[in-house]
Protein backbone atom coordinates (compact mmCIF):
# COMPACT_ATOMS: atom_id res chain seq x y z
CA UNK A 1 -8.29 9.97 18.05
CA UNK A 2 -6.99 6.44 18.18
CA UNK A 3 -6.01 5.30 14.56
CA UNK A 4 -4.74 2.03 13.40
CA UNK A 5 -2.64 1.96 10.37
CA UNK A 6 -1.77 -1.17 8.06
CA UNK A 7 1.66 -1.23 6.54
CA UNK A 8 3.25 -3.84 4.47
CA UNK A 9 6.71 -4.88 3.85
CA UNK A 10 7.37 -4.86 -0.28
CA UNK A 11 10.36 -5.76 -2.23
CA UNK A 12 12.15 -2.60 -3.51
CA UNK A 13 12.20 -3.87 -7.30
CA UNK A 14 12.21 -0.34 -8.93
CA UNK A 15 15.93 -0.76 -9.80
CA UNK A 16 16.05 -4.30 -10.14
CA UNK A 17 16.06 -6.98 -12.75
CA UNK A 18 13.47 -9.82 -11.50
CA UNK A 19 14.03 -13.47 -12.07
CA UNK A 20 11.28 -16.03 -12.39
CA UNK A 21 11.79 -19.36 -10.95
CA UNK A 22 10.24 -22.71 -10.20
CA UNK A 23 8.29 -22.80 -13.34
CA UNK A 24 6.59 -19.75 -13.15
CA UNK A 25 5.37 -20.16 -9.17
CA UNK A 26 7.67 -18.11 -7.70
CA UNK A 27 10.26 -15.10 -7.84
CA UNK A 28 13.65 -14.93 -6.69
CA UNK A 29 13.39 -12.19 -4.32
CA UNK A 30 16.65 -13.50 -2.21
CA UNK A 31 18.76 -10.51 -3.46
CA UNK A 32 16.38 -8.15 -3.83
CA UNK A 33 16.15 -5.06 -0.78
CA UNK A 34 12.77 -4.70 0.95
CA UNK A 35 11.18 -1.71 2.36
CA UNK A 36 7.85 -0.15 3.96
CA UNK A 37 5.12 0.28 1.01
CA UNK A 38 5.31 3.65 -0.26
CA UNK A 39 1.63 4.57 0.14
CA UNK A 40 1.75 3.56 3.63
CA UNK A 41 4.75 5.91 4.60
CA UNK A 42 2.18 8.57 3.82
CA UNK A 43 -0.75 6.78 5.79
CA UNK A 44 1.23 6.54 9.03
CA UNK A 45 2.70 10.07 8.48
CA UNK A 46 -0.88 11.62 8.33
CA UNK A 47 -2.09 9.31 11.36
CA UNK A 48 0.74 10.62 13.40
CA UNK A 49 0.34 14.37 12.38
CA UNK A 50 -3.26 13.86 13.24
CA UNK A 51 -2.48 12.33 16.64
CA UNK A 52 0.12 14.96 17.14
CA UNK A 53 -2.49 17.83 16.87
CA UNK A 54 -5.63 15.96 18.24
CA UNK A 55 -4.08 13.50 20.75
CA UNK A 56 -4.56 9.78 20.94
CA UNK A 57 -2.65 7.44 19.37
CA UNK A 58 -1.84 5.47 16.31
CA UNK A 59 -1.02 1.71 16.21
CA UNK A 60 0.63 0.08 13.08
CA UNK A 61 -0.36 -3.16 12.12
CA UNK A 62 1.19 -5.53 9.54
CA UNK A 63 0.19 -8.99 7.82
CA UNK A 64 3.41 -10.87 6.68
CA UNK A 65 6.56 -12.98 8.00
CA UNK A 66 8.57 -12.21 10.88
CA UNK A 67 10.49 -9.65 8.76
CA UNK A 68 7.80 -7.52 8.54
CA UNK A 69 8.58 -6.38 12.06
CA UNK A 70 10.86 -3.68 10.32
CA UNK A 71 8.21 -2.03 8.86
CA UNK A 72 6.53 -1.66 12.16
CA UNK A 73 9.77 -0.52 14.00
CA UNK A 74 9.95 2.12 10.87
CA UNK A 75 6.23 3.03 11.71
CA UNK A 76 7.24 3.55 15.40
CA UNK A 77 9.97 5.56 14.52
CA UNK A 78 7.64 7.66 12.89
CA UNK A 79 5.46 7.99 15.72
CA UNK A 80 3.29 4.96 16.25
CA UNK A 81 2.54 4.21 19.87
CA UNK A 82 3.04 0.58 19.23
CA UNK A 83 2.99 -2.15 16.58
CA UNK A 84 1.33 -5.64 15.85
CA UNK A 85 2.42 -8.40 13.60
CA UNK A 86 0.00 -10.77 12.30
CA UNK A 87 2.26 -13.20 11.14
CA UNK A 88 1.89 -15.52 7.87
CA UNK A 89 4.58 -17.66 6.69
CA UNK A 90 2.65 -17.69 3.38
CA UNK A 91 2.15 -14.90 0.95
CA UNK A 92 -1.68 -13.80 1.18
CA UNK A 93 -2.41 -12.37 -2.55
CA UNK A 94 -6.12 -12.14 -2.29
CA UNK A 95 -7.08 -8.80 -0.74
CA UNK A 96 -10.62 -10.24 0.22
CA UNK A 97 -8.72 -12.64 2.42
CA UNK A 98 -6.35 -10.02 4.09
CA UNK A 99 -9.49 -7.79 4.75
CA UNK A 100 -11.51 -10.89 6.30
CA UNK A 101 -8.20 -11.49 8.77
CA UNK A 102 -8.02 -8.00 9.50
CA UNK A 103 -11.94 -7.71 10.42
CA UNK A 104 -11.72 -10.93 12.51
CA UNK A 105 -8.62 -9.36 14.22
CA UNK A 106 -10.18 -6.54 14.97
CA UNK A 107 -13.40 -8.06 16.35
CA UNK A 108 -11.30 -10.87 18.40
CA UNK A 109 -8.92 -8.59 20.28
CA UNK A 110 -11.58 -5.80 20.21
CA UNK A 111 -9.67 -3.21 18.83
CA UNK A 112 -10.62 0.41 19.58
CA UNK A 113 -10.28 2.91 16.64
CA UNK A 114 -11.60 6.27 15.44
CA UNK A 115 -10.20 5.68 12.13
CA UNK A 116 -8.34 3.02 9.98
CA UNK A 117 -5.81 4.01 7.07
CA UNK A 118 -4.34 1.98 4.48
CA UNK A 119 -2.32 3.11 1.82
CA UNK A 120 -4.19 3.60 -1.69
CA UNK A 121 -2.23 0.17 -2.72
CA UNK A 122 0.89 -1.82 -2.37
CA UNK A 123 3.82 -1.59 -4.61
CA UNK A 124 3.41 -5.69 -5.37
CA UNK A 125 0.27 -6.77 -6.16
CA UNK A 126 -1.47 -3.14 -6.97
CA UNK A 127 -5.17 -4.35 -6.22
CA UNK A 128 -5.96 -1.29 -4.39
CA UNK A 129 -8.74 -3.11 -2.79
CA UNK A 130 -8.02 -4.27 0.91
CA UNK A 131 -9.34 -0.99 2.42
CA UNK A 132 -12.39 -1.28 0.51
CA UNK A 133 -13.03 -4.87 1.65
CA UNK A 134 -12.48 -4.08 4.89
CA UNK A 135 -14.83 -1.51 5.04
CA UNK A 136 -17.61 -3.33 3.50
CA UNK A 137 -17.02 -6.34 5.86
CA UNK A 138 -17.19 -4.05 9.12
CA UNK A 139 -20.10 -1.73 7.68
CA UNK A 140 -18.08 1.44 7.68
CA UNK A 141 -17.76 4.58 5.59
CA UNK A 142 -14.98 4.76 3.09
CA UNK A 143 -13.14 6.76 0.99
CA UNK A 144 -10.11 6.11 -1.33
CA UNK A 145 -7.71 8.40 -2.94
CA UNK A 146 -7.35 10.64 0.01
CA UNK A 147 -5.17 13.65 -0.88
CA UNK A 148 -6.09 15.87 1.90
CA UNK A 149 -7.46 16.07 5.31
CA UNK A 150 -9.01 19.34 6.02
CA UNK A 151 -10.81 19.46 9.43
CA UNK A 152 -11.99 16.46 12.19
CA UNK A 153 -14.94 17.85 13.61
CA UNK A 154 -17.91 16.41 15.76
CA UNK A 155 -17.33 12.92 14.88
CA UNK A 156 -16.62 13.58 10.96
CA UNK A 157 -13.46 13.96 8.53
CA UNK A 158 -13.66 16.86 5.89
CA UNK A 159 -11.56 15.56 3.34
CA UNK A 160 -10.32 15.78 -0.50
CA UNK A 161 -10.13 12.95 -2.55
CA UNK A 162 -8.24 12.97 -6.22
CA UNK A 163 -10.41 12.28 -9.40
CA UNK A 164 -9.74 11.71 -12.94
CA UNK A 165 -8.39 14.45 -15.11
CA UNK A 166 -7.02 16.53 -11.93
CA UNK A 167 -10.08 17.20 -10.40
CA UNK A 168 -10.47 17.11 -6.50
CA UNK A 169 -13.86 15.72 -4.76
CA UNK A 170 -14.33 17.72 -1.15
CA UNK A 171 -16.30 15.29 0.90
CA UNK A 172 -17.51 14.90 4.81
CA UNK A 173 -17.21 11.28 6.11
CA UNK A 174 -18.43 10.08 9.30
CA UNK A 175 -16.04 8.37 11.95
CA UNK A 176 -15.21 5.42 12.42
CA UNK A 177 -14.37 4.91 8.99
CA UNK A 178 -11.65 3.77 6.80
CA UNK A 179 -9.37 5.59 4.56
CA UNK A 180 -7.18 5.00 1.72
CA UNK A 181 -4.42 7.71 1.67
CA UNK A 182 -2.67 8.58 -1.46
CA UNK A 183 0.89 9.62 -2.01
CA UNK A 184 1.66 13.59 -1.86
CA UNK A 185 -0.93 14.09 0.80
CA UNK A 186 2.19 15.13 2.98
CA UNK A 187 5.90 14.78 3.26
CA UNK A 188 6.77 11.37 5.51
CA UNK A 189 9.11 12.62 7.88
CA UNK A 190 13.03 11.34 7.99
CA UNK A 191 13.59 8.30 9.97
CA UNK A 192 17.09 7.96 11.26
CA UNK A 193 18.75 4.61 11.87
CA UNK A 194 19.34 5.43 15.59
CA UNK A 195 15.33 5.96 15.80
CA UNK A 196 14.19 2.72 14.37
CA UNK A 197 17.06 1.25 16.86
CA UNK A 198 15.16 2.96 19.74
CA UNK A 199 11.76 1.85 18.03
CA UNK A 200 12.71 -1.84 18.69
CA UNK A 201 12.74 -1.33 22.40
CA UNK A 202 9.12 -0.62 21.90
CA UNK A 203 6.72 -3.37 22.22
CA UNK A 204 5.38 -5.11 19.26
CA UNK A 205 2.86 -8.11 19.71
CA UNK A 206 2.79 -11.28 17.30
CA UNK A 207 -0.51 -12.74 16.52
CA UNK A 208 -0.96 -15.86 14.15
CA UNK A 209 -2.63 -15.06 10.98
CA UNK A 210 -4.38 -18.49 11.15
CA UNK A 211 -6.02 -17.60 14.12
CA UNK A 212 -8.06 -15.14 12.20
CA UNK A 213 -8.08 -16.40 8.67
CA UNK A 214 -11.55 -17.73 9.23
CA UNK A 215 -13.34 -20.03 6.80
CA UNK A 216 -13.26 -18.02 3.77
CA UNK A 217 -11.96 -18.84 0.51
CA UNK A 218 -9.70 -16.99 -1.85
CA UNK A 219 -11.30 -15.43 -4.55
CA UNK A 220 -8.16 -14.63 -6.44
CA UNK A 221 -5.60 -17.12 -7.01
CA UNK A 222 -1.84 -16.71 -8.16
CA UNK A 223 -1.52 -19.04 -11.37
CA UNK A 224 2.03 -17.95 -12.67
CA UNK A 225 4.14 -15.22 -13.19
CA UNK A 226 5.36 -14.45 -16.44
CA UNK A 227 7.36 -11.65 -18.33
CA UNK A 228 5.73 -9.16 -20.79
CA UNK A 229 5.69 -10.25 -24.27
CA UNK A 230 8.32 -8.86 -26.24
CA UNK A 231 7.78 -6.36 -28.69
CA UNK A 232 9.61 -5.81 -32.27
CA UNK A 233 13.04 -3.91 -32.04
CA UNK A 234 13.44 -0.70 -33.59
CA UNK A 235 13.75 0.20 -37.36
CA UNK A 236 16.81 1.02 -38.92
CA UNK A 237 16.68 3.54 -41.80
CA UNK A 238 19.48 3.63 -44.16
CA UNK A 239 20.57 5.16 -47.27
CA UNK A 240 21.01 8.92 -48.25
CA UNK A 241 19.54 11.68 -45.47
CA UNK A 242 16.76 12.74 -48.06
CA UNK A 243 15.70 9.00 -48.36
CA UNK A 244 15.67 8.53 -44.50
CA UNK A 245 13.74 11.38 -44.11
CA UNK A 246 11.01 10.59 -46.91
CA UNK A 247 10.81 6.98 -45.14
CA UNK A 248 10.65 8.58 -42.15
CA UNK A 249 7.55 10.63 -42.77
CA UNK A 250 5.71 7.82 -44.49
CA UNK A 251 6.35 5.61 -41.16
CA UNK A 252 4.79 8.82 -39.16
CA UNK A 253 1.86 8.96 -41.88
CA UNK A 254 1.06 4.98 -41.60
CA UNK A 255 1.15 5.55 -37.96
CA UNK A 256 -1.18 8.17 -37.91
CA UNK A 257 1.39 10.52 -36.21
CA UNK A 258 1.71 13.23 -39.01
């Protein structure tokens, strides 16, 4: 089974304070560390596990700047056969344009595959849409929020999807297909620094995004970045304890809590 997995290099902003610059046009990421998008880690791991069991190969593909090579090396260290960078010096915010470029790339380069894996969403833009756009463009069957692949048989995946309220849906989907992998489907393997260094010796092809961008116009444009509106501060209760308790109860009643 041959699987294409799309991975993305994202800023690790969870513990960082972001600063908006250029009158809201950009975010200062000069001192922010980067990593592989968390959901993509699970997608790579699931693809590698399938290939280890069924045979075939995993090819990791990333759209981004030259620095995105680091996530390709990580994917190779996890078990991907090779990596391909579709290099773009501009950030592509619109998932429809990303999907169009991927579609054109797969067709132009005659990429052979049984399945395409993406993460459910990326940590930076969180559109959770590229996989669906791509499946629609290619006319392939599609499943999102995949939390388990139970069987692969006779040209079908038997898998489980996460639904609202803790429910799960078990479906049978024909290959070739596009699957958006949810976190928690597996436990991504540990990748050592030595493993990443060894991966740097594996061939990684570099293509140009403009060669596959096509003539499509963006349907989503980034206007500006902004900070969330600040809300009112905490209410400080003063006076005797009994008075504070009574005031607190009134506040809770007014807010419908008590």
